[in-house]
N, C-alpha and C. Protein backbone atom coordinates (compact mmCIF):
# COMPACT_ATOMS: atom_id res chain seq x y z
N MET A 1 5.46 9.10 -16.96
CA MET A 1 6.33 7.95 -16.88
C MET A 1 6.13 7.28 -15.52
N PHE A 2 5.79 6.02 -15.55
CA PHE A 2 5.67 5.23 -14.33
C PHE A 2 6.82 4.25 -14.30
N ASP A 3 7.54 4.19 -13.21
CA ASP A 3 8.71 3.32 -13.09
C ASP A 3 8.58 2.49 -11.82
N GLU A 4 8.88 1.23 -11.95
CA GLU A 4 8.82 0.29 -10.82
C GLU A 4 7.43 0.26 -10.18
N VAL A 5 6.45 -0.04 -10.98
CA VAL A 5 5.07 -0.17 -10.51
C VAL A 5 4.87 -1.60 -10.03
N SER A 6 4.47 -1.77 -8.80
CA SER A 6 4.25 -3.13 -8.30
C SER A 6 2.94 -3.19 -7.51
N LEU A 7 2.39 -4.39 -7.49
CA LEU A 7 1.12 -4.63 -6.83
C LEU A 7 1.22 -5.96 -6.12
N GLY A 8 0.81 -6.01 -4.86
CA GLY A 8 0.86 -7.24 -4.08
C GLY A 8 -0.21 -8.23 -4.49
N GLU A 9 -0.34 -9.27 -3.71
CA GLU A 9 -1.33 -10.31 -3.98
C GLU A 9 -2.75 -9.78 -3.81
N ASN A 10 -3.66 -10.32 -4.60
CA ASN A 10 -5.09 -10.01 -4.51
C ASN A 10 -5.41 -8.53 -4.73
N GLY A 11 -4.56 -7.82 -5.45
CA GLY A 11 -4.77 -6.39 -5.66
C GLY A 11 -5.42 -6.07 -6.99
N HIS A 12 -5.91 -4.85 -7.10
CA HIS A 12 -6.50 -4.34 -8.33
C HIS A 12 -5.93 -2.95 -8.56
N GLN A 13 -5.38 -2.71 -9.75
CA GLN A 13 -4.74 -1.43 -10.02
C GLN A 13 -5.01 -1.03 -11.47
N VAL A 14 -5.30 0.25 -11.67
CA VAL A 14 -5.55 0.78 -13.01
C VAL A 14 -4.69 2.02 -13.19
N ILE A 15 -3.90 2.02 -14.26
CA ILE A 15 -3.10 3.19 -14.63
C ILE A 15 -3.42 3.45 -16.10
N VAL A 16 -4.26 4.45 -16.34
CA VAL A 16 -4.71 4.71 -17.71
C VAL A 16 -4.76 6.20 -17.99
N SER A 17 -4.77 6.51 -19.25
CA SER A 17 -5.03 7.87 -19.72
C SER A 17 -6.37 7.85 -20.43
N THR A 18 -7.24 8.79 -20.07
CA THR A 18 -8.54 8.89 -20.75
C THR A 18 -8.56 10.05 -21.74
N VAL A 19 -7.43 10.72 -21.90
CA VAL A 19 -7.38 11.87 -22.81
C VAL A 19 -6.49 11.62 -24.02
N GLY A 20 -6.08 10.38 -24.21
CA GLY A 20 -5.28 10.03 -25.38
C GLY A 20 -3.79 10.22 -25.21
N ASP A 21 -3.33 10.59 -24.02
CA ASP A 21 -1.89 10.72 -23.79
C ASP A 21 -1.25 9.33 -23.72
N LEU A 22 -0.01 9.26 -24.14
CA LEU A 22 0.71 8.00 -24.07
C LEU A 22 1.06 7.67 -22.62
N ILE A 23 1.01 6.40 -22.30
CA ILE A 23 1.42 5.91 -20.98
C ILE A 23 2.74 5.18 -21.18
N ASN A 24 3.71 5.48 -20.36
CA ASN A 24 4.99 4.80 -20.42
C ASN A 24 5.27 4.21 -19.04
N ALA A 25 5.40 2.91 -18.98
CA ALA A 25 5.64 2.23 -17.70
C ALA A 25 6.76 1.21 -17.87
N ARG A 26 7.63 1.15 -16.88
CA ARG A 26 8.73 0.18 -16.89
C ARG A 26 8.73 -0.59 -15.59
N ARG A 27 9.23 -1.82 -15.68
CA ARG A 27 9.35 -2.70 -14.51
C ARG A 27 8.02 -2.80 -13.75
N VAL A 28 7.03 -3.30 -14.44
CA VAL A 28 5.69 -3.46 -13.87
C VAL A 28 5.54 -4.90 -13.41
N SER A 29 5.07 -5.10 -12.18
CA SER A 29 4.87 -6.46 -11.68
C SER A 29 3.58 -6.52 -10.85
N ALA A 30 3.03 -7.73 -10.79
CA ALA A 30 1.80 -7.93 -10.02
C ALA A 30 1.90 -9.26 -9.29
N GLY A 31 1.36 -9.30 -8.08
CA GLY A 31 1.34 -10.52 -7.28
C GLY A 31 0.26 -11.48 -7.75
N ALA A 32 0.22 -12.61 -7.09
CA ALA A 32 -0.75 -13.65 -7.42
C ALA A 32 -2.18 -13.13 -7.27
N ARG A 33 -3.04 -13.54 -8.18
CA ARG A 33 -4.47 -13.20 -8.16
C ARG A 33 -4.72 -11.69 -8.22
N SER A 34 -3.82 -10.96 -8.86
CA SER A 34 -3.96 -9.51 -8.99
C SER A 34 -4.37 -9.14 -10.41
N THR A 35 -4.94 -7.95 -10.53
CA THR A 35 -5.35 -7.43 -11.83
C THR A 35 -4.75 -6.05 -12.02
N GLN A 36 -4.04 -5.87 -13.11
CA GLN A 36 -3.50 -4.56 -13.47
C GLN A 36 -3.95 -4.22 -14.87
N LEU A 37 -4.40 -3.00 -15.05
CA LEU A 37 -4.76 -2.48 -16.37
C LEU A 37 -3.92 -1.24 -16.62
N LEU A 38 -3.20 -1.21 -17.73
CA LEU A 38 -2.38 -0.07 -18.09
C LEU A 38 -2.64 0.29 -19.54
N GLY A 39 -2.72 1.58 -19.84
CA GLY A 39 -2.88 1.98 -21.22
C GLY A 39 -3.84 3.13 -21.41
N GLN A 40 -4.48 3.15 -22.58
CA GLN A 40 -5.41 4.21 -22.93
C GLN A 40 -6.80 3.63 -23.11
N MET A 41 -7.79 4.35 -22.66
CA MET A 41 -9.19 3.96 -22.88
C MET A 41 -10.06 5.19 -22.66
N SER A 42 -11.26 5.11 -23.17
CA SER A 42 -12.19 6.22 -23.00
C SER A 42 -12.66 6.28 -21.55
N ASP A 43 -13.13 7.44 -21.15
CA ASP A 43 -13.65 7.61 -19.80
C ASP A 43 -14.83 6.67 -19.55
N SER A 44 -15.69 6.49 -20.54
CA SER A 44 -16.85 5.61 -20.34
C SER A 44 -16.41 4.15 -20.16
N THR A 45 -15.39 3.73 -20.89
CA THR A 45 -14.87 2.36 -20.71
C THR A 45 -14.27 2.21 -19.32
N LEU A 46 -13.52 3.20 -18.87
CA LEU A 46 -12.94 3.15 -17.53
C LEU A 46 -14.03 3.06 -16.47
N GLN A 47 -15.09 3.84 -16.61
CA GLN A 47 -16.19 3.79 -15.64
C GLN A 47 -16.88 2.44 -15.64
N THR A 48 -17.04 1.84 -16.81
CA THR A 48 -17.64 0.50 -16.90
C THR A 48 -16.78 -0.53 -16.19
N ILE A 49 -15.47 -0.47 -16.41
CA ILE A 49 -14.55 -1.39 -15.73
C ILE A 49 -14.61 -1.19 -14.23
N ARG A 50 -14.62 0.06 -13.79
CA ARG A 50 -14.67 0.36 -12.35
C ARG A 50 -15.94 -0.22 -11.73
N GLN A 51 -17.05 -0.04 -12.38
CA GLN A 51 -18.31 -0.57 -11.85
C GLN A 51 -18.30 -2.09 -11.78
N ARG A 52 -17.78 -2.73 -12.81
CA ARG A 52 -17.71 -4.19 -12.82
C ARG A 52 -16.76 -4.70 -11.74
N GLN A 53 -15.61 -4.04 -11.58
CA GLN A 53 -14.66 -4.45 -10.54
C GLN A 53 -15.27 -4.27 -9.16
N SER A 54 -15.97 -3.18 -8.94
CA SER A 54 -16.61 -2.95 -7.64
C SER A 54 -17.61 -4.04 -7.33
N HIS A 55 -18.35 -4.46 -8.33
CA HIS A 55 -19.33 -5.53 -8.15
C HIS A 55 -18.64 -6.85 -7.82
N ILE A 56 -17.56 -7.16 -8.52
CA ILE A 56 -16.81 -8.40 -8.27
C ILE A 56 -16.19 -8.37 -6.88
N ILE A 57 -15.57 -7.25 -6.52
CA ILE A 57 -14.92 -7.13 -5.21
C ILE A 57 -15.93 -7.27 -4.08
N SER A 58 -17.11 -6.66 -4.23
CA SER A 58 -18.11 -6.76 -3.16
C SER A 58 -18.61 -8.19 -3.01
N LYS A 59 -18.64 -8.95 -4.09
CA LYS A 59 -19.04 -10.36 -3.99
C LYS A 59 -17.95 -11.18 -3.31
N GLN A 60 -16.68 -10.81 -3.49
CA GLN A 60 -15.56 -11.56 -2.92
C GLN A 60 -15.32 -11.21 -1.46
N ALA A 61 -15.76 -10.07 -1.00
CA ALA A 61 -15.48 -9.63 0.36
C ALA A 61 -15.90 -10.63 1.43
N PRO A 62 -17.10 -11.22 1.38
CA PRO A 62 -17.46 -12.21 2.41
C PRO A 62 -16.54 -13.43 2.39
N LEU A 63 -16.09 -13.85 1.21
CA LEU A 63 -15.17 -14.97 1.12
C LEU A 63 -13.83 -14.63 1.75
N GLN A 64 -13.34 -13.41 1.51
CA GLN A 64 -12.07 -12.99 2.09
C GLN A 64 -12.17 -12.93 3.61
N GLN A 65 -13.28 -12.42 4.14
CA GLN A 65 -13.46 -12.36 5.59
C GLN A 65 -13.46 -13.76 6.18
N GLU A 66 -14.09 -14.71 5.49
CA GLU A 66 -14.11 -16.09 5.97
C GLU A 66 -12.71 -16.68 5.95
N ASP A 67 -11.94 -16.42 4.88
CA ASP A 67 -10.56 -16.90 4.79
C ASP A 67 -9.71 -16.30 5.91
N ASP A 68 -9.88 -15.01 6.18
CA ASP A 68 -9.13 -14.35 7.25
C ASP A 68 -9.46 -14.96 8.61
N ALA A 69 -10.72 -15.26 8.84
CA ALA A 69 -11.14 -15.85 10.11
C ALA A 69 -10.53 -17.24 10.28
N LEU A 70 -10.50 -18.01 9.21
CA LEU A 70 -9.90 -19.34 9.28
C LEU A 70 -8.40 -19.26 9.53
N SER A 71 -7.73 -18.30 8.89
CA SER A 71 -6.29 -18.15 9.06
C SER A 71 -5.94 -17.73 10.48
N SER A 72 -6.73 -16.87 11.08
CA SER A 72 -6.42 -16.38 12.42
C SER A 72 -6.70 -17.42 13.50
N SER A 73 -7.51 -18.42 13.18
CA SER A 73 -7.83 -19.44 14.19
C SER A 73 -6.80 -20.56 14.21
N ASP A 74 -5.84 -20.56 13.26
CA ASP A 74 -4.80 -21.60 13.22
C ASP A 74 -3.80 -21.47 14.34
């Protein structure tokens, strides 16, 4: 049982069962531009999602660093 699961802005969170157990979550929230996955999936599907997310995040990292640099110079 997951209760009061929250994720800030620009976050990525996965709460899954790969063994077929039920997932029960209440009061789940996510900030702007965040991704949350909850539920059941096979281990191979989870690994595929993880690899794709890692690839997307690594592509976004230079953009985030540039945004941070611009914000700190204000």
